[in-house]
Amino acid sequence: PLVCPGERVTGEILRRLMNAKNQER
């Protein structure tokens, strides 16, 4: 996991999640 429950979502985490295809996340 890049982020777990209770953690604040960062721009870097979002960048990685948005750049991944649905089947890769």
PDBML (XML) file of the C-alpha atoms, coordinates in Angstrom:
<?xml version="1.0" encoding="UTF-8" ?>
<PDBx:datablock datablockName="MODEL"
   xmlns:PDBx="http://pdbml.pdb.org/schema/pdbx-v50.xsd"
   xmlns:xsi="http://www.w3.org/2001/XMLSchema-instance"
   xsi:schemaLocation="http://pdbml.pdb.org/schema/pdbx-v50.xsd pdbx-v50.xsd">
   <PDBx:atom_siteCategory>
      <PDBx:atom_site id="1">
         <PDBx:B_iso_or_equiv>0.00</PDBx:B_iso_or_equiv>
         <PDBx:Cartn_x>0.000</PDBx:Cartn_x>
         <PDBx:Cartn_y>0.000</PDBx:Cartn_y>
         <PDBx:Cartn_z>0.000</PDBx:Cartn_z>
         <PDBx:auth_asym_id>A</PDBx:auth_asym_id>
         <PDBx:auth_atom_id>CA</PDBx:auth_atom_id>
         <PDBx:auth_comp_id>PRO</PDBx:auth_comp_id>
         <PDBx:auth_seq_id>1</PDBx:auth_seq_id>
         <PDBx:group_PDB>ATOM</PDBx:group_PDB>
         <PDBx:label_alt_id xsi:nil="true" />
         <PDBx:label_asym_id>A</PDBx:label_asym_id>
         <PDBx:label_atom_id>CA</PDBx:label_atom_id>
         <PDBx:label_comp_id>PRO</PDBx:label_comp_id>
         <PDBx:label_entity_id>1</PDBx:label_entity_id>
         <PDBx:label_seq_id>1</PDBx:label_seq_id>
         <PDBx:occupancy>1.00</PDBx:occupancy>
         <PDBx:pdbx_PDB_model_num>1</PDBx:pdbx_PDB_model_num>
         <PDBx:type_symbol>C</PDBx:type_symbol>
      </PDBx:atom_site>
      <PDBx:atom_site id="2">
         <PDBx:B_iso_or_equiv>0.00</PDBx:B_iso_or_equiv>
         <PDBx:Cartn_x>1.004</PDBx:Cartn_x>
         <PDBx:Cartn_y>3.577</PDBx:Cartn_y>
         <PDBx:Cartn_z>-0.747</PDBx:Cartn_z>
         <PDBx:auth_asym_id>A</PDBx:auth_asym_id>
         <PDBx:auth_atom_id>CA</PDBx:auth_atom_id>
         <PDBx:auth_comp_id>LEU</PDBx:auth_comp_id>
         <PDBx:auth_seq_id>2</PDBx:auth_seq_id>
         <PDBx:group_PDB>ATOM</PDBx:group_PDB>
         <PDBx:label_alt_id xsi:nil="true" />
         <PDBx:label_asym_id>A</PDBx:label_asym_id>
         <PDBx:label_atom_id>CA</PDBx:label_atom_id>
         <PDBx:label_comp_id>LEU</PDBx:label_comp_id>
         <PDBx:label_entity_id>1</PDBx:label_entity_id>
         <PDBx:label_seq_id>2</PDBx:label_seq_id>
         <PDBx:occupancy>1.00</PDBx:occupancy>
         <PDBx:pdbx_PDB_model_num>1</PDBx:pdbx_PDB_model_num>
         <PDBx:type_symbol>C</PDBx:type_symbol>
      </PDBx:atom_site>
      <PDBx:atom_site id="3">
         <PDBx:B_iso_or_equiv>0.00</PDBx:B_iso_or_equiv>
         <PDBx:Cartn_x>-1.560</PDBx:Cartn_x>
         <PDBx:Cartn_y>4.802</PDBx:Cartn_y>
         <PDBx:Cartn_z>1.775</PDBx:Cartn_z>
         <PDBx:auth_asym_id>A</PDBx:auth_asym_id>
         <PDBx:auth_atom_id>CA</PDBx:auth_atom_id>
         <PDBx:auth_comp_id>VAL</PDBx:auth_comp_id>
         <PDBx:auth_seq_id>3</PDBx:auth_seq_id>
         <PDBx:group_PDB>ATOM</PDBx:group_PDB>
         <PDBx:label_alt_id xsi:nil="true" />
         <PDBx:label_asym_id>A</PDBx:label_asym_id>
         <PDBx:label_atom_id>CA</PDBx:label_atom_id>
         <PDBx:label_comp_id>VAL</PDBx:label_comp_id>
         <PDBx:label_entity_id>1</PDBx:label_entity_id>
         <PDBx:label_seq_id>3</PDBx:label_seq_id>
         <PDBx:occupancy>1.00</PDBx:occupancy>
         <PDBx:pdbx_PDB_model_num>1</PDBx:pdbx_PDB_model_num>
         <PDBx:type_symbol>C</PDBx:type_symbol>
      </PDBx:atom_site>
      <PDBx:atom_site id="4">
         <PDBx:B_iso_or_equiv>0.00</PDBx:B_iso_or_equiv>
         <PDBx:Cartn_x>-3.345</PDBx:Cartn_x>
         <PDBx:Cartn_y>3.012</PDBx:Cartn_y>
         <PDBx:Cartn_z>4.630</PDBx:Cartn_z>
         <PDBx:auth_asym_id>A</PDBx:auth_asym_id>
         <PDBx:auth_atom_id>CA</PDBx:auth_atom_id>
         <PDBx:auth_comp_id>CYS</PDBx:auth_comp_id>
         <PDBx:auth_seq_id>4</PDBx:auth_seq_id>
         <PDBx:group_PDB>ATOM</PDBx:group_PDB>
         <PDBx:label_alt_id xsi:nil="true" />
         <PDBx:label_asym_id>A</PDBx:label_asym_id>
         <PDBx:label_atom_id>CA</PDBx:label_atom_id>
         <PDBx:label_comp_id>CYS</PDBx:label_comp_id>
         <PDBx:label_entity_id>1</PDBx:label_entity_id>
         <PDBx:label_seq_id>4</PDBx:label_seq_id>
         <PDBx:occupancy>1.00</PDBx:occupancy>
         <PDBx:pdbx_PDB_model_num>1</PDBx:pdbx_PDB_model_num>
         <PDBx:type_symbol>C</PDBx:type_symbol>
      </PDBx:atom_site>
      <PDBx:atom_site id="5">
         <PDBx:B_iso_or_equiv>0.00</PDBx:B_iso_or_equiv>
         <PDBx:Cartn_x>-6.506</PDBx:Cartn_x>
         <PDBx:Cartn_y>3.873</PDBx:Cartn_y>
         <PDBx:Cartn_z>6.572</PDBx:Cartn_z>
         <PDBx:auth_asym_id>A</PDBx:auth_asym_id>
         <PDBx:auth_atom_id>CA</PDBx:auth_atom_id>
         <PDBx:auth_comp_id>PRO</PDBx:auth_comp_id>
         <PDBx:auth_seq_id>5</PDBx:auth_seq_id>
         <PDBx:group_PDB>ATOM</PDBx:group_PDB>
         <PDBx:label_alt_id xsi:nil="true" />
         <PDBx:label_asym_id>A</PDBx:label_asym_id>
         <PDBx:label_atom_id>CA</PDBx:label_atom_id>
         <PDBx:label_comp_id>PRO</PDBx:label_comp_id>
         <PDBx:label_entity_id>1</PDBx:label_entity_id>
         <PDBx:label_seq_id>5</PDBx:label_seq_id>
         <PDBx:occupancy>1.00</PDBx:occupancy>
         <PDBx:pdbx_PDB_model_num>1</PDBx:pdbx_PDB_model_num>
         <PDBx:type_symbol>C</PDBx:type_symbol>
      </PDBx:atom_site>
      <PDBx:atom_site id="6">
         <PDBx:B_iso_or_equiv>0.00</PDBx:B_iso_or_equiv>
         <PDBx:Cartn_x>-5.958</PDBx:Cartn_x>
         <PDBx:Cartn_y>6.940</PDBx:Cartn_y>
         <PDBx:Cartn_z>8.744</PDBx:Cartn_z>
         <PDBx:auth_asym_id>A</PDBx:auth_asym_id>
         <PDBx:auth_atom_id>CA</PDBx:auth_atom_id>
         <PDBx:auth_comp_id>GLY</PDBx:auth_comp_id>
         <PDBx:auth_seq_id>6</PDBx:auth_seq_id>
         <PDBx:group_PDB>ATOM</PDBx:group_PDB>
         <PDBx:label_alt_id xsi:nil="true" />
         <PDBx:label_asym_id>A</PDBx:label_asym_id>
         <PDBx:label_atom_id>CA</PDBx:label_atom_id>
         <PDBx:label_comp_id>GLY</PDBx:label_comp_id>
         <PDBx:label_entity_id>1</PDBx:label_entity_id>
         <PDBx:label_seq_id>6</PDBx:label_seq_id>
         <PDBx:occupancy>1.00</PDBx:occupancy>
         <PDBx:pdbx_PDB_model_num>1</PDBx:pdbx_PDB_model_num>
         <PDBx:type_symbol>C</PDBx:type_symbol>
      </PDBx:atom_site>
      <PDBx:atom_site id="7">
         <PDBx:B_iso_or_equiv>0.00</PDBx:B_iso_or_equiv>
         <PDBx:Cartn_x>-3.121</PDBx:Cartn_x>
         <PDBx:Cartn_y>8.347</PDBx:Cartn_y>
         <PDBx:Cartn_z>6.627</PDBx:Cartn_z>
         <PDBx:auth_asym_id>A</PDBx:auth_asym_id>
         <PDBx:auth_atom_id>CA</PDBx:auth_atom_id>
         <PDBx:auth_comp_id>GLU</PDBx:auth_comp_id>
         <PDBx:auth_seq_id>7</PDBx:auth_seq_id>
         <PDBx:group_PDB>ATOM</PDBx:group_PDB>
         <PDBx:label_alt_id xsi:nil="true" />
         <PDBx:label_asym_id>A</PDBx:label_asym_id>
         <PDBx:label_atom_id>CA</PDBx:label_atom_id>
         <PDBx:label_comp_id>GLU</PDBx:label_comp_id>
         <PDBx:label_entity_id>1</PDBx:label_entity_id>
         <PDBx:label_seq_id>7</PDBx:label_seq_id>
         <PDBx:occupancy>1.00</PDBx:occupancy>
         <PDBx:pdbx_PDB_model_num>1</PDBx:pdbx_PDB_model_num>
         <PDBx:type_symbol>C</PDBx:type_symbol>
      </PDBx:atom_site>
      <PDBx:atom_site id="8">
         <PDBx:B_iso_or_equiv>0.00</PDBx:B_iso_or_equiv>
         <PDBx:Cartn_x>-3.284</PDBx:Cartn_x>
         <PDBx:Cartn_y>11.629</PDBx:Cartn_y>
         <PDBx:Cartn_z>4.719</PDBx:Cartn_z>
         <PDBx:auth_asym_id>A</PDBx:auth_asym_id>
         <PDBx:auth_atom_id>CA</PDBx:auth_atom_id>
         <PDBx:auth_comp_id>ARG</PDBx:auth_comp_id>
         <PDBx:auth_seq_id>8</PDBx:auth_seq_id>
         <PDBx:group_PDB>ATOM</PDBx:group_PDB>
         <PDBx:label_alt_id xsi:nil="true" />
         <PDBx:label_asym_id>A</PDBx:label_asym_id>
         <PDBx:label_atom_id>CA</PDBx:label_atom_id>
         <PDBx:label_comp_id>ARG</PDBx:label_comp_id>
         <PDBx:label_entity_id>1</PDBx:label_entity_id>
         <PDBx:label_seq_id>8</PDBx:label_seq_id>
         <PDBx:occupancy>1.00</PDBx:occupancy>
         <PDBx:pdbx_PDB_model_num>1</PDBx:pdbx_PDB_model_num>
         <PDBx:type_symbol>C</PDBx:type_symbol>
      </PDBx:atom_site>
      <PDBx:atom_site id="9">
         <PDBx:B_iso_or_equiv>0.00</PDBx:B_iso_or_equiv>
         <PDBx:Cartn_x>-3.209</PDBx:Cartn_x>
         <PDBx:Cartn_y>11.301</PDBx:Cartn_y>
         <PDBx:Cartn_z>0.919</PDBx:Cartn_z>
         <PDBx:auth_asym_id>A</PDBx:auth_asym_id>
         <PDBx:auth_atom_id>CA</PDBx:auth_atom_id>
         <PDBx:auth_comp_id>VAL</PDBx:auth_comp_id>
         <PDBx:auth_seq_id>9</PDBx:auth_seq_id>
         <PDBx:group_PDB>ATOM</PDBx:group_PDB>
         <PDBx:label_alt_id xsi:nil="true" />
         <PDBx:label_asym_id>A</PDBx:label_asym_id>
         <PDBx:label_atom_id>CA</PDBx:label_atom_id>
         <PDBx:label_comp_id>VAL</PDBx:label_comp_id>
         <PDBx:label_entity_id>1</PDBx:label_entity_id>
         <PDBx:label_seq_id>9</PDBx:label_seq_id>
         <PDBx:occupancy>1.00</PDBx:occupancy>
         <PDBx:pdbx_PDB_model_num>1</PDBx:pdbx_PDB_model_num>
         <PDBx:type_symbol>C</PDBx:type_symbol>
      </PDBx:atom_site>
      <PDBx:atom_site id="10">
         <PDBx:B_iso_or_equiv>0.00</PDBx:B_iso_or_equiv>
         <PDBx:Cartn_x>-0.312</PDBx:Cartn_x>
         <PDBx:Cartn_y>13.202</PDBx:Cartn_y>
         <PDBx:Cartn_z>-0.671</PDBx:Cartn_z>
         <PDBx:auth_asym_id>A</PDBx:auth_asym_id>
         <PDBx:auth_atom_id>CA</PDBx:auth_atom_id>
         <PDBx:auth_comp_id>THR</PDBx:auth_comp_id>
         <PDBx:auth_seq_id>10</PDBx:auth_seq_id>
         <PDBx:group_PDB>ATOM</PDBx:group_PDB>
         <PDBx:label_alt_id xsi:nil="true" />
         <PDBx:label_asym_id>A</PDBx:label_asym_id>
         <PDBx:label_atom_id>CA</PDBx:label_atom_id>
         <PDBx:label_comp_id>THR</PDBx:label_comp_id>
         <PDBx:label_entity_id>1</PDBx:label_entity_id>
         <PDBx:label_seq_id>10</PDBx:label_seq_id>
         <PDBx:occupancy>1.00</PDBx:occupancy>
         <PDBx:pdbx_PDB_model_num>1</PDBx:pdbx_PDB_model_num>
         <PDBx:type_symbol>C</PDBx:type_symbol>
      </PDBx:atom_site>
      <PDBx:atom_site id="11">
         <PDBx:B_iso_or_equiv>0.00</PDBx:B_iso_or_equiv>
         <PDBx:Cartn_x>0.186</PDBx:Cartn_x>
         <PDBx:Cartn_y>14.527</PDBx:Cartn_y>
         <PDBx:Cartn_z>-4.179</PDBx:Cartn_z>
         <PDBx:auth_asym_id>A</PDBx:auth_asym_id>
         <PDBx:auth_atom_id>CA</PDBx:auth_atom_id>
         <PDBx:auth_comp_id>GLY</PDBx:auth_comp_id>
         <PDBx:auth_seq_id>11</PDBx:auth_seq_id>
         <PDBx:group_PDB>ATOM</PDBx:group_PDB>
         <PDBx:label_alt_id xsi:nil="true" />
         <PDBx:label_asym_id>A</PDBx:label_asym_id>
         <PDBx:label_atom_id>CA</PDBx:label_atom_id>
         <PDBx:label_comp_id>GLY</PDBx:label_comp_id>
         <PDBx:label_entity_id>1</PDBx:label_entity_id>
         <PDBx:label_seq_id>11</PDBx:label_seq_id>
         <PDBx:occupancy>1.00</PDBx:occupancy>
         <PDBx:pdbx_PDB_model_num>1</PDBx:pdbx_PDB_model_num>
         <PDBx:type_symbol>C</PDBx:type_symbol>
      </PDBx:atom_site>
      <PDBx:atom_site id="12">
         <PDBx:B_iso_or_equiv>0.00</PDBx:B_iso_or_equiv>
         <PDBx:Cartn_x>2.861</PDBx:Cartn_x>
         <PDBx:Cartn_y>11.895</PDBx:Cartn_y>
         <PDBx:Cartn_z>-4.859</PDBx:Cartn_z>
         <PDBx:auth_asym_id>A</PDBx:auth_asym_id>
         <PDBx:auth_atom_id>CA</PDBx:auth_atom_id>
         <PDBx:auth_comp_id>GLU</PDBx:auth_comp_id>
         <PDBx:auth_seq_id>12</PDBx:auth_seq_id>
         <PDBx:group_PDB>ATOM</PDBx:group_PDB>
         <PDBx:label_alt_id xsi:nil="true" />
         <PDBx:label_asym_id>A</PDBx:label_asym_id>
         <PDBx:label_atom_id>CA</PDBx:label_atom_id>
         <PDBx:label_comp_id>GLU</PDBx:label_comp_id>
         <PDBx:label_entity_id>1</PDBx:label_entity_id>
         <PDBx:label_seq_id>12</PDBx:label_seq_id>
         <PDBx:occupancy>1.00</PDBx:occupancy>
         <PDBx:pdbx_PDB_model_num>1</PDBx:pdbx_PDB_model_num>
         <PDBx:type_symbol>C</PDBx:type_symbol>
      </PDBx:atom_site>
      <PDBx:atom_site id="13">
         <PDBx:B_iso_or_equiv>0.00</PDBx:B_iso_or_equiv>
         <PDBx:Cartn_x>0.494</PDBx:Cartn_x>
         <PDBx:Cartn_y>9.076</PDBx:Cartn_y>
         <PDBx:Cartn_z>-3.855</PDBx:Cartn_z>
         <PDBx:auth_asym_id>A</PDBx:auth_asym_id>
         <PDBx:auth_atom_id>CA</PDBx:auth_atom_id>
         <PDBx:auth_comp_id>ILE</PDBx:auth_comp_id>
         <PDBx:auth_seq_id>13</PDBx:auth_seq_id>
         <PDBx:group_PDB>ATOM</PDBx:group_PDB>
         <PDBx:label_alt_id xsi:nil="true" />
         <PDBx:label_asym_id>A</PDBx:label_asym_id>
         <PDBx:label_atom_id>CA</PDBx:label_atom_id>
         <PDBx:label_comp_id>ILE</PDBx:label_comp_id>
         <PDBx:label_entity_id>1</PDBx:label_entity_id>
         <PDBx:label_seq_id>13</PDBx:label_seq_id>
         <PDBx:occupancy>1.00</PDBx:occupancy>
         <PDBx:pdbx_PDB_model_num>1</PDBx:pdbx_PDB_model_num>
         <PDBx:type_symbol>C</PDBx:type_symbol>
      </PDBx:atom_site>
      <PDBx:atom_site id="14">
         <PDBx:B_iso_or_equiv>0.00</PDBx:B_iso_or_equiv>
         <PDBx:Cartn_x>-2.219</PDBx:Cartn_x>
         <PDBx:Cartn_y>10.504</PDBx:Cartn_y>
         <PDBx:Cartn_z>-6.099</PDBx:Cartn_z>
         <PDBx:auth_asym_id>A</PDBx:auth_asym_id>
         <PDBx:auth_atom_id>CA</PDBx:auth_atom_id>
         <PDBx:auth_comp_id>LEU</PDBx:auth_comp_id>
         <PDBx:auth_seq_id>14</PDBx:auth_seq_id>
         <PDBx:group_PDB>ATOM</PDBx:group_PDB>
         <PDBx:label_alt_id xsi:nil="true" />
         <PDBx:label_asym_id>A</PDBx:label_asym_id>
         <PDBx:label_atom_id>CA</PDBx:label_atom_id>
         <PDBx:label_comp_id>LEU</PDBx:label_comp_id>
         <PDBx:label_entity_id>1</PDBx:label_entity_id>
         <PDBx:label_seq_id>14</PDBx:label_seq_id>
         <PDBx:occupancy>1.00</PDBx:occupancy>
         <PDBx:pdbx_PDB_model_num>1</PDBx:pdbx_PDB_model_num>
         <PDBx:type_symbol>C</PDBx:type_symbol>
      </PDBx:atom_site>
      <PDBx:atom_site id="15">
         <PDBx:B_iso_or_equiv>0.00</PDBx:B_iso_or_equiv>
         <PDBx:Cartn_x>0.206</PDBx:Cartn_x>
         <PDBx:Cartn_y>10.825</PDBx:Cartn_y>
         <PDBx:Cartn_z>-9.012</PDBx:Cartn_z>
         <PDBx:auth_asym_id>A</PDBx:auth_asym_id>
         <PDBx:auth_atom_id>CA</PDBx:auth_atom_id>
         <PDBx:auth_comp_id>ARG</PDBx:auth_comp_id>
         <PDBx:auth_seq_id>15</PDBx:auth_seq_id>
         <PDBx:group_PDB>ATOM</PDBx:group_PDB>
         <PDBx:label_alt_id xsi:nil="true" />
         <PDBx:label_asym_id>A</PDBx:label_asym_id>
         <PDBx:label_atom_id>CA</PDBx:label_atom_id>
         <PDBx:label_comp_id>ARG</PDBx:label_comp_id>
         <PDBx:label_entity_id>1</PDBx:label_entity_id>
         <PDBx:label_seq_id>15</PDBx:label_seq_id>
         <PDBx:occupancy>1.00</PDBx:occupancy>
         <PDBx:pdbx_PDB_model_num>1</PDBx:pdbx_PDB_model_num>
         <PDBx:type_symbol>C</PDBx:type_symbol>
      </PDBx:atom_site>
      <PDBx:atom_site id="16">
         <PDBx:B_iso_or_equiv>0.00</PDBx:B_iso_or_equiv>
         <PDBx:Cartn_x>1.143</PDBx:Cartn_x>
         <PDBx:Cartn_y>7.152</PDBx:Cartn_y>
         <PDBx:Cartn_z>-8.725</PDBx:Cartn_z>
         <PDBx:auth_asym_id>A</PDBx:auth_asym_id>
         <PDBx:auth_atom_id>CA</PDBx:auth_atom_id>
         <PDBx:auth_comp_id>ARG</PDBx:auth_comp_id>
         <PDBx:auth_seq_id>16</PDBx:auth_seq_id>
         <PDBx:group_PDB>ATOM</PDBx:group_PDB>
         <PDBx:label_alt_id xsi:nil="true" />
         <PDBx:label_asym_id>A</PDBx:label_asym_id>
         <PDBx:label_atom_id>CA</PDBx:label_atom_id>
         <PDBx:label_comp_id>ARG</PDBx:label_comp_id>
         <PDBx:label_entity_id>1</PDBx:label_entity_id>
         <PDBx:label_seq_id>16</PDBx:label_seq_id>
         <PDBx:occupancy>1.00</PDBx:occupancy>
         <PDBx:pdbx_PDB_model_num>1</PDBx:pdbx_PDB_model_num>
         <PDBx:type_symbol>C</PDBx:type_symbol>
      </PDBx:atom_site>
      <PDBx:atom_site id="17">
         <PDBx:B_iso_or_equiv>0.00</PDBx:B_iso_or_equiv>
         <PDBx:Cartn_x>-2.473</PDBx:Cartn_x>
         <PDBx:Cartn_y>6.005</PDBx:Cartn_y>
         <PDBx:Cartn_z>-8.373</PDBx:Cartn_z>
         <PDBx:auth_asym_id>A</PDBx:auth_asym_id>
         <PDBx:auth_atom_id>CA</PDBx:auth_atom_id>
         <PDBx:auth_comp_id>LEU</PDBx:auth_comp_id>
         <PDBx:auth_seq_id>17</PDBx:auth_seq_id>
         <PDBx:group_PDB>ATOM</PDBx:group_PDB>
         <PDBx:label_alt_id xsi:nil="true" />
         <PDBx:label_asym_id>A</PDBx:label_asym_id>
         <PDBx:label_atom_id>CA</PDBx:label_atom_id>
         <PDBx:label_comp_id>LEU</PDBx:label_comp_id>
         <PDBx:label_entity_id>1</PDBx:label_entity_id>
         <PDBx:label_seq_id>17</PDBx:label_seq_id>
         <PDBx:occupancy>1.00</PDBx:occupancy>
         <PDBx:pdbx_PDB_model_num>1</PDBx:pdbx_PDB_model_num>
         <PDBx:type_symbol>C</PDBx:type_symbol>
      </PDBx:atom_site>
      <PDBx:atom_site id="18">
         <PDBx:B_iso_or_equiv>0.00</PDBx:B_iso_or_equiv>
         <PDBx:Cartn_x>-3.690</PDBx:Cartn_x>
         <PDBx:Cartn_y>8.123</PDBx:Cartn_y>
         <PDBx:Cartn_z>-11.290</PDBx:Cartn_z>
         <PDBx:auth_asym_id>A</PDBx:auth_asym_id>
         <PDBx:auth_atom_id>CA</PDBx:auth_atom_id>
         <PDBx:auth_comp_id>MET</PDBx:auth_comp_id>
         <PDBx:auth_seq_id>18</PDBx:auth_seq_id>
         <PDBx:group_PDB>ATOM</PDBx:group_PDB>
         <PDBx:label_alt_id xsi:nil="true" />
         <PDBx:label_asym_id>A</PDBx:label_asym_id>
         <PDBx:label_atom_id>CA</PDBx:label_atom_id>
         <PDBx:label_comp_id>MET</PDBx:label_comp_id>
         <PDBx:label_entity_id>1</PDBx:label_entity_id>
         <PDBx:label_seq_id>18</PDBx:label_seq_id>
         <PDBx:occupancy>1.00</PDBx:occupancy>
         <PDBx:pdbx_PDB_model_num>1</PDBx:pdbx_PDB_model_num>
         <PDBx:type_symbol>C</PDBx:type_symbol>
      </PDBx:atom_site>
      <PDBx:atom_site id="19">
         <PDBx:B_iso_or_equiv>0.00</PDBx:B_iso_or_equiv>
         <PDBx:Cartn_x>-0.819</PDBx:Cartn_x>
         <PDBx:Cartn_y>7.000</PDBx:Cartn_y>
         <PDBx:Cartn_z>-13.555</PDBx:Cartn_z>
         <PDBx:auth_asym_id>A</PDBx:auth_asym_id>
         <PDBx:auth_atom_id>CA</PDBx:auth_atom_id>
         <PDBx:auth_comp_id>ASN</PDBx:auth_comp_id>
         <PDBx:auth_seq_id>19</PDBx:auth_seq_id>
         <PDBx:group_PDB>ATOM</PDBx:group_PDB>
         <PDBx:label_alt_id xsi:nil="true" />
         <PDBx:label_asym_id>A</PDBx:label_asym_id>
         <PDBx:label_atom_id>CA</PDBx:label_atom_id>
         <PDBx:label_comp_id>ASN</PDBx:label_comp_id>
         <PDBx:label_entity_id>1</PDBx:label_entity_id>
         <PDBx:label_seq_id>19</PDBx:label_seq_id>
         <PDBx:occupancy>1.00</PDBx:occupancy>
         <PDBx:pdbx_PDB_model_num>1</PDBx:pdbx_PDB_model_num>
         <PDBx:type_symbol>C</PDBx:type_symbol>
      </PDBx:atom_site>
      <PDBx:atom_site id="20">
         <PDBx:B_iso_or_equiv>0.00</PDBx:B_iso_or_equiv>
         <PDBx:Cartn_x>-1.576</PDBx:Cartn_x>
         <PDBx:Cartn_y>3.313</PDBx:Cartn_y>
         <PDBx:Cartn_z>-12.937</PDBx:Cartn_z>
         <PDBx:auth_asym_id>A</PDBx:auth_asym_id>
         <PDBx:auth_atom_id>CA</PDBx:auth_atom_id>
         <PDBx:auth_comp_id>ALA</PDBx:auth_comp_id>
         <PDBx:auth_seq_id>20</PDBx:auth_seq_id>
         <PDBx:group_PDB>ATOM</PDBx:group_PDB>
         <PDBx:label_alt_id xsi:nil="true" />
         <PDBx:label_asym_id>A</PDBx:label_asym_id>
         <PDBx:label_atom_id>CA</PDBx:label_atom_id>
         <PDBx:label_comp_id>ALA</PDBx:label_comp_id>
         <PDBx:label_entity_id>1</PDBx:label_entity_id>
         <PDBx:label_seq_id>20</PDBx:label_seq_id>
         <PDBx:occupancy>1.00</PDBx:occupancy>
         <PDBx:pdbx_PDB_model_num>1</PDBx:pdbx_PDB_model_num>
         <PDBx:type_symbol>C</PDBx:type_symbol>
      </PDBx:atom_site>
      <PDBx:atom_site id="21">
         <PDBx:B_iso_or_equiv>0.00</PDBx:B_iso_or_equiv>
         <PDBx:Cartn_x>-4.180</PDBx:Cartn_x>
         <PDBx:Cartn_y>1.504</PDBx:Cartn_y>
         <PDBx:Cartn_z>-15.007</PDBx:Cartn_z>
         <PDBx:auth_asym_id>A</PDBx:auth_asym_id>
         <PDBx:auth_atom_id>CA</PDBx:auth_atom_id>
         <PDBx:auth_comp_id>LYS</PDBx:auth_comp_id>
         <PDBx:auth_seq_id>21</PDBx:auth_seq_id>
         <PDBx:group_PDB>ATOM</PDBx:group_PDB>
         <PDBx:label_alt_id xsi:nil="true" />
         <PDBx:label_asym_id>A</PDBx:label_asym_id>
         <PDBx:label_atom_id>CA</PDBx:label_atom_id>
         <PDBx:label_comp_id>LYS</PDBx:label_comp_id>
         <PDBx:label_entity_id>1</PDBx:label_entity_id>
         <PDBx:label_seq_id>21</PDBx:label_seq_id>
         <PDBx:occupancy>1.00</PDBx:occupancy>
         <PDBx:pdbx_PDB_model_num>1</PDBx:pdbx_PDB_model_num>
         <PDBx:type_symbol>C</PDBx:type_symbol>
      </PDBx:atom_site>
      <PDBx:atom_site id="22">
         <PDBx:B_iso_or_equiv>0.00</PDBx:B_iso_or_equiv>
         <PDBx:Cartn_x>-7.210</PDBx:Cartn_x>
         <PDBx:Cartn_y>0.096</PDBx:Cartn_y>
         <PDBx:Cartn_z>-13.163</PDBx:Cartn_z>
         <PDBx:auth_asym_id>A</PDBx:auth_asym_id>
         <PDBx:auth_atom_id>CA</PDBx:auth_atom_id>
         <PDBx:auth_comp_id>ASN</PDBx:auth_comp_id>
         <PDBx:auth_seq_id>22</PDBx:auth_seq_id>
         <PDBx:group_PDB>ATOM</PDBx:group_PDB>
         <PDBx:label_alt_id xsi:nil="true" />
         <PDBx:label_asym_id>A</PDBx:label_asym_id>
         <PDBx:label_atom_id>CA</PDBx:label_atom_id>
         <PDBx:label_comp_id>ASN</PDBx:label_comp_id>
         <PDBx:label_entity_id>1</PDBx:label_entity_id>
         <PDBx:label_seq_id>22</PDBx:label_seq_id>
         <PDBx:occupancy>1.00</PDBx:occupancy>
         <PDBx:pdbx_PDB_model_num>1</PDBx:pdbx_PDB_model_num>
         <PDBx:type_symbol>C</PDBx:type_symbol>
      </PDBx:atom_site>
      <PDBx:atom_site id="23">
         <PDBx:B_iso_or_equiv>0.00</PDBx:B_iso_or_equiv>
         <PDBx:Cartn_x>-5.842</PDBx:Cartn_x>
         <PDBx:Cartn_y>-3.458</PDBx:Cartn_y>
         <PDBx:Cartn_z>-13.278</PDBx:Cartn_z>
         <PDBx:auth_asym_id>A</PDBx:auth_asym_id>
         <PDBx:auth_atom_id>CA</PDBx:auth_atom_id>
         <PDBx:auth_comp_id>GLN</PDBx:auth_comp_id>
         <PDBx:auth_seq_id>23</PDBx:auth_seq_id>
         <PDBx:group_PDB>ATOM</PDBx:group_PDB>
         <PDBx:label_alt_id xsi:nil="true" />
         <PDBx:label_asym_id>A</PDBx:label_asym_id>
         <PDBx:label_atom_id>CA</PDBx:label_atom_id>
         <PDBx:label_comp_id>GLN</PDBx:label_comp_id>
         <PDBx:label_entity_id>1</PDBx:label_entity_id>
         <PDBx:label_seq_id>23</PDBx:label_seq_id>
         <PDBx:occupancy>1.00</PDBx:occupancy>
         <PDBx:pdbx_PDB_model_num>1</PDBx:pdbx_PDB_model_num>
         <PDBx:type_symbol>C</PDBx:type_symbol>
      </PDBx:atom_site>
      <PDBx:atom_site id="24">
         <PDBx:B_iso_or_equiv>0.00</PDBx:B_iso_or_equiv>
         <PDBx:Cartn_x>-2.532</PDBx:Cartn_x>
         <PDBx:Cartn_y>-2.258</PDBx:Cartn_y>
         <PDBx:Cartn_z>-11.771</PDBx:Cartn_z>
         <PDBx:auth_asym_id>A</PDBx:auth_asym_id>
         <PDBx:auth_atom_id>CA</PDBx:auth_atom_id>
         <PDBx:auth_comp_id>GLU</PDBx:auth_comp_id>
         <PDBx:auth_seq_id>24</PDBx:auth_seq_id>
         <PDBx:group_PDB>ATOM</PDBx:group_PDB>
         <PDBx:label_alt_id xsi:nil="true" />
         <PDBx:label_asym_id>A</PDBx:label_asym_id>
         <PDBx:label_atom_id>CA</PDBx:label_atom_id>
         <PDBx:label_comp_id>GLU</PDBx:label_comp_id>
         <PDBx:label_entity_id>1</PDBx:label_entity_id>
         <PDBx:label_seq_id>24</PDBx:label_seq_id>
         <PDBx:occupancy>1.00</PDBx:occupancy>
         <PDBx:pdbx_PDB_model_num>1</PDBx:pdbx_PDB_model_num>
         <PDBx:type_symbol>C</PDBx:type_symbol>
      </PDBx:atom_site>
      <PDBx:atom_site id="25">
         <PDBx:B_iso_or_equiv>0.00</PDBx:B_iso_or_equiv>
         <PDBx:Cartn_x>-3.968</PDBx:Cartn_x>
         <PDBx:Cartn_y>-0.648</PDBx:Cartn_y>
         <PDBx:Cartn_z>-8.637</PDBx:Cartn_z>
         <PDBx:auth_asym_id>A</PDBx:auth_asym_id>
         <PDBx:auth_atom_id>CA</PDBx:auth_atom_id>
         <PDBx:auth_comp_id>ARG</PDBx:auth_comp_id>
         <PDBx:auth_seq_id>25</PDBx:auth_seq_id>
         <PDBx:group_PDB>ATOM</PDBx:group_PDB>
         <PDBx:label_alt_id xsi:nil="true" />
         <PDBx:label_asym_id>A</PDBx:label_asym_id>
         <PDBx:label_atom_id>CA</PDBx:label_atom_id>
         <PDBx:label_comp_id>ARG</PDBx:label_comp_id>
         <PDBx:label_entity_id>1</PDBx:label_entity_id>
         <PDBx:label_seq_id>25</PDBx:label_seq_id>
         <PDBx:occupancy>1.00</PDBx:occupancy>
         <PDBx:pdbx_PDB_model_num>1</PDBx:pdbx_PDB_model_num>
         <PDBx:type_symbol>C</PDBx:type_symbol>
      </PDBx:atom_site>
   </PDBx:atom_siteCategory>
</PDBx:datablock>
